[in-house]
Protein backbone atom coordinates (compact mmCIF):
# COMPACT_ATOMS: atom_id res chain seq x y z
CA MET A 1 18.71 9.13 -4.08
CA CYS A 2 16.89 6.19 -5.30
CA HIS A 3 18.48 2.92 -6.76
CA THR A 4 16.01 0.80 -8.20
CA ILE A 5 16.46 -2.86 -8.10
CA LYS A 6 15.79 -4.35 -11.24
CA PHE A 7 12.94 -6.95 -11.07
CA GLY A 8 11.51 -8.40 -14.17
CA GLY A 9 12.56 -5.66 -16.44
CA ASP A 10 10.76 -2.99 -14.54
CA GLY A 11 12.12 -1.90 -10.98
CA LEU A 12 10.34 -3.12 -7.73
CA LYS A 13 8.59 -0.06 -6.61
CA ILE A 14 6.62 0.72 -3.19
CA LEU A 15 3.63 2.94 -3.78
CA ILE A 16 1.60 4.83 -0.76
CA ASP A 17 -2.07 5.52 -0.65
CA ALA A 18 -0.89 8.47 1.65
CA ASP A 19 -4.53 9.52 2.37
CA GLY A 20 -4.75 8.88 6.14
CA CYS A 21 -1.75 6.33 6.20
CA PRO A 22 0.46 6.51 9.55
CA VAL A 23 3.01 4.72 8.20
CA VAL A 24 4.33 6.76 5.43
CA ASP A 25 7.65 7.75 6.83
CA LEU A 26 8.01 4.38 7.93
CA THR A 27 7.56 3.12 4.64
CA VAL A 28 9.79 5.15 3.04
CA GLU A 29 12.58 4.35 5.25
CA THR A 30 12.44 0.71 4.55
CA ALA A 31 12.32 1.49 0.87
CA LYS A 32 15.49 3.75 1.66
CA ASP A 33 16.98 1.05 3.36
CA PHE A 34 16.76 -1.70 0.46
CA GLY A 35 17.42 0.84 -2.46
CA LEU A 36 13.87 0.57 -3.63
CA GLU A 37 11.75 3.36 -5.22
CA CYS A 38 9.16 4.73 -3.29
CA VAL A 39 6.32 6.75 -4.58
CA ILE A 40 3.72 8.57 -2.20
CA PHE A 41 0.03 9.44 -3.66
CA PHE A 42 -2.11 12.06 -2.17
CA ASP A 43 -4.63 14.55 -2.99
CA THR A 44 -4.83 18.08 -2.59
CA SER A 45 -6.13 18.33 0.73
CA HIS A 46 -2.60 16.90 2.11
CA VAL A 47 1.03 17.99 1.66
CA PHE A 48 3.86 15.61 1.54
CA GLU A 49 7.43 16.40 0.90
CA ASN A 50 10.44 13.79 0.80
CA ASP A 51 13.95 14.02 0.12
CA TYR A 52 13.90 10.41 -1.10
CA ALA A 53 10.19 9.27 -2.55
CA ARG A 54 8.65 10.59 -5.41
CA THR A 55 5.43 12.59 -4.59
CA VAL A 56 2.33 12.49 -6.46
CA MET A 57 -0.51 14.86 -6.01
CA VAL A 58 -3.78 14.57 -7.60
CA SER A 59 -6.75 16.63 -7.52
CA LYS A 60 -9.50 15.81 -4.69
CA GLY A 61 -12.24 13.70 -5.87
CA THR A 62 -13.21 10.14 -4.95
CA ASP A 63 -10.97 7.90 -5.51
CA SER A 64 -8.50 9.70 -7.35
CA VAL A 65 -5.70 8.77 -5.44
CA ASP A 66 -6.66 5.15 -6.14
CA PHE A 67 -6.95 5.21 -9.90
CA ALA A 68 -3.62 7.34 -9.86
CA LEU A 69 -1.78 4.76 -7.63
CA VAL A 70 -3.43 1.47 -9.84
CA ASN A 71 -2.30 3.41 -13.12
CA GLU A 72 1.24 3.29 -12.14
CA ILE A 73 1.49 -0.05 -10.08
CA GLY A 74 3.25 -3.09 -11.89
CA LYS A 75 3.47 -6.80 -11.38
CA ASN A 76 5.01 -7.65 -8.02
CA ASP A 77 5.27 -3.94 -6.91
CA ILE A 78 4.36 -3.45 -3.28
CA ALA A 79 1.04 -1.09 -2.25
CA VAL A 80 0.73 0.22 1.07
CA THR A 81 -3.03 0.93 1.76
CA GLN A 82 -5.84 0.67 3.94
CA ASP A 83 -8.62 0.64 1.11
CA TYR A 84 -9.80 -2.88 0.44
CA GLY A 85 -11.08 -1.76 -3.06
CA LEU A 86 -7.59 -0.47 -3.94
CA ALA A 87 -6.14 -3.55 -2.41
CA ALA A 88 -8.30 -5.78 -4.88
CA MET A 89 -7.51 -3.71 -7.83
CA CYS A 90 -3.79 -4.28 -7.11
CA LEU A 91 -4.12 -7.49 -6.72
CA ALA A 92 -5.85 -7.76 -10.03
CA LYS A 93 -2.68 -6.12 -11.81
CA GLY A 94 -0.54 -8.98 -9.68
CA ALA A 95 1.01 -6.61 -6.92
CA LEU A 96 1.18 -6.98 -3.52
CA PRO A 97 -1.00 -4.96 -1.08
CA ILE A 98 -0.29 -4.63 2.50
CA ASN A 99 -2.11 -2.46 5.00
CA GLN A 100 -0.91 0.00 7.89
CA ASP A 101 -0.86 -2.82 10.20
CA GLY A 102 0.98 -5.29 8.35
CA ARG A 103 -1.52 -7.89 7.05
CA VAL A 104 -0.95 -8.77 3.44
CA TYR A 105 -4.12 -8.59 1.11
CA THR A 106 -4.44 -11.81 -0.68
CA GLU A 107 -6.57 -13.40 -3.35
CA LYS A 108 -7.76 -15.65 -0.57
CA ASN A 109 -8.72 -13.08 2.22
CA ILE A 110 -10.01 -10.00 -0.02
CA GLY A 111 -13.26 -11.29 -1.03
CA SER A 112 -14.28 -11.39 2.87
CA LEU A 113 -12.77 -8.01 3.41
CA LEU A 114 -14.54 -6.59 0.66
CA GLU A 115 -18.04 -8.15 1.62
CA MET A 116 -17.64 -6.93 5.37
CA ARG A 117 -17.32 -3.53 4.03
CA HIS A 118 -20.10 -4.07 1.94
CA VAL A 119 -22.06 -4.79 4.80
CA SER A 120 -20.95 -2.12 7.10
CA LYS A 121 -21.86 0.32 4.40
CA LYS A 122 -25.52 -0.87 4.34
CA ILE A 123 -25.66 -0.74 8.20
CA ARG A 124 -24.69 3.16 8.24
CA ARG A 125 -26.93 3.87 5.00
CA ALA A 126 -29.75 2.24 7.30
CA GLY A 127 -29.04 4.61 10.18
CA GLY A 128 -27.08 1.91 12.05
CA ARG A 129 -23.62 2.19 13.59
CA THR A 130 -20.32 0.39 13.00
CA LYS A 131 -17.50 0.52 15.26
CA GLY A 132 -14.37 2.63 14.27
CA PRO A 133 -10.78 1.93 13.98
CA LYS A 134 -9.27 1.97 17.79
CA LYS A 135 -6.63 3.92 18.48
CA ARG A 136 -3.17 3.24 16.90
CA GLU A 137 -0.75 1.44 19.37
CA PRO A 138 3.14 1.24 18.78
CA TYR A 139 3.01 -2.76 18.50
CA GLN A 140 0.95 -2.00 14.98
CA SER A 141 3.92 0.03 13.46
CA GLU A 142 6.38 -2.62 14.61
CA ASN A 143 4.19 -5.67 13.12
CA PHE A 144 4.06 -3.21 9.93
CA ALA A 145 7.76 -2.55 9.60
CA LYS A 146 8.57 -6.55 10.03
CA SER A 147 5.89 -7.74 7.31
CA LEU A 148 7.14 -5.23 4.72
CA ARG A 149 10.42 -6.10 5.25
CA ASN A 150 9.61 -9.93 4.75
CA LEU A 151 7.65 -8.99 1.77
CA ILE A 152 10.38 -7.01 0.39
CA GLU A 153 12.42 -9.97 0.93
CA LEU A 154 10.45 -12.50 -0.32
CA GLN A 155 10.09 -10.51 -3.66
CA LEU A 156 13.79 -10.02 -4.10
CA ARG A 157 14.49 -13.84 -3.06
CA LYS A 158 11.87 -14.86 -5.72
CA GLU A 159 13.55 -12.65 -8.43
CA PHE A 160 16.69 -13.83 -7.61
CA LEU A 161 15.80 -17.52 -7.62
CA LYS A 162 14.22 -16.61 -11.13
CA ASN A 163 17.39 -15.21 -12.42
CA GLU A 164 19.54 -18.01 -11.77
């Protein structure tokens, strides 16, 4: 079972936007290694079962998973998502979003990422084409695992130093 490490009065959690996420199992295993609570969010078009993580199924709809995750995320929690809009909402709540390749979203990079998304959307609306994602390579999961572990360790160190 999950042992929540106390973090500023609440437990540090890892929340996963599981729709289209290739690192759900890897994230859950990492949470388990650290004894952290892990929550998987998905809509009714997917099915996730996990003995360790709590699962939250929401009705299918535009951004329904995003809003459910944002409603639960707390300051310093970690969100795994490839959605820039969701990452921006998580940052606004003081959380730490990371994508499936290990890139940590920050206040410094989220603006340009949202702008790129907007430009790509305009090109597609005008009938143009934009490049889709490349085939996932094993090194991407390795990078994600390292970045996630580093992010967790950083958060735990910060909390430890704060309580000394």
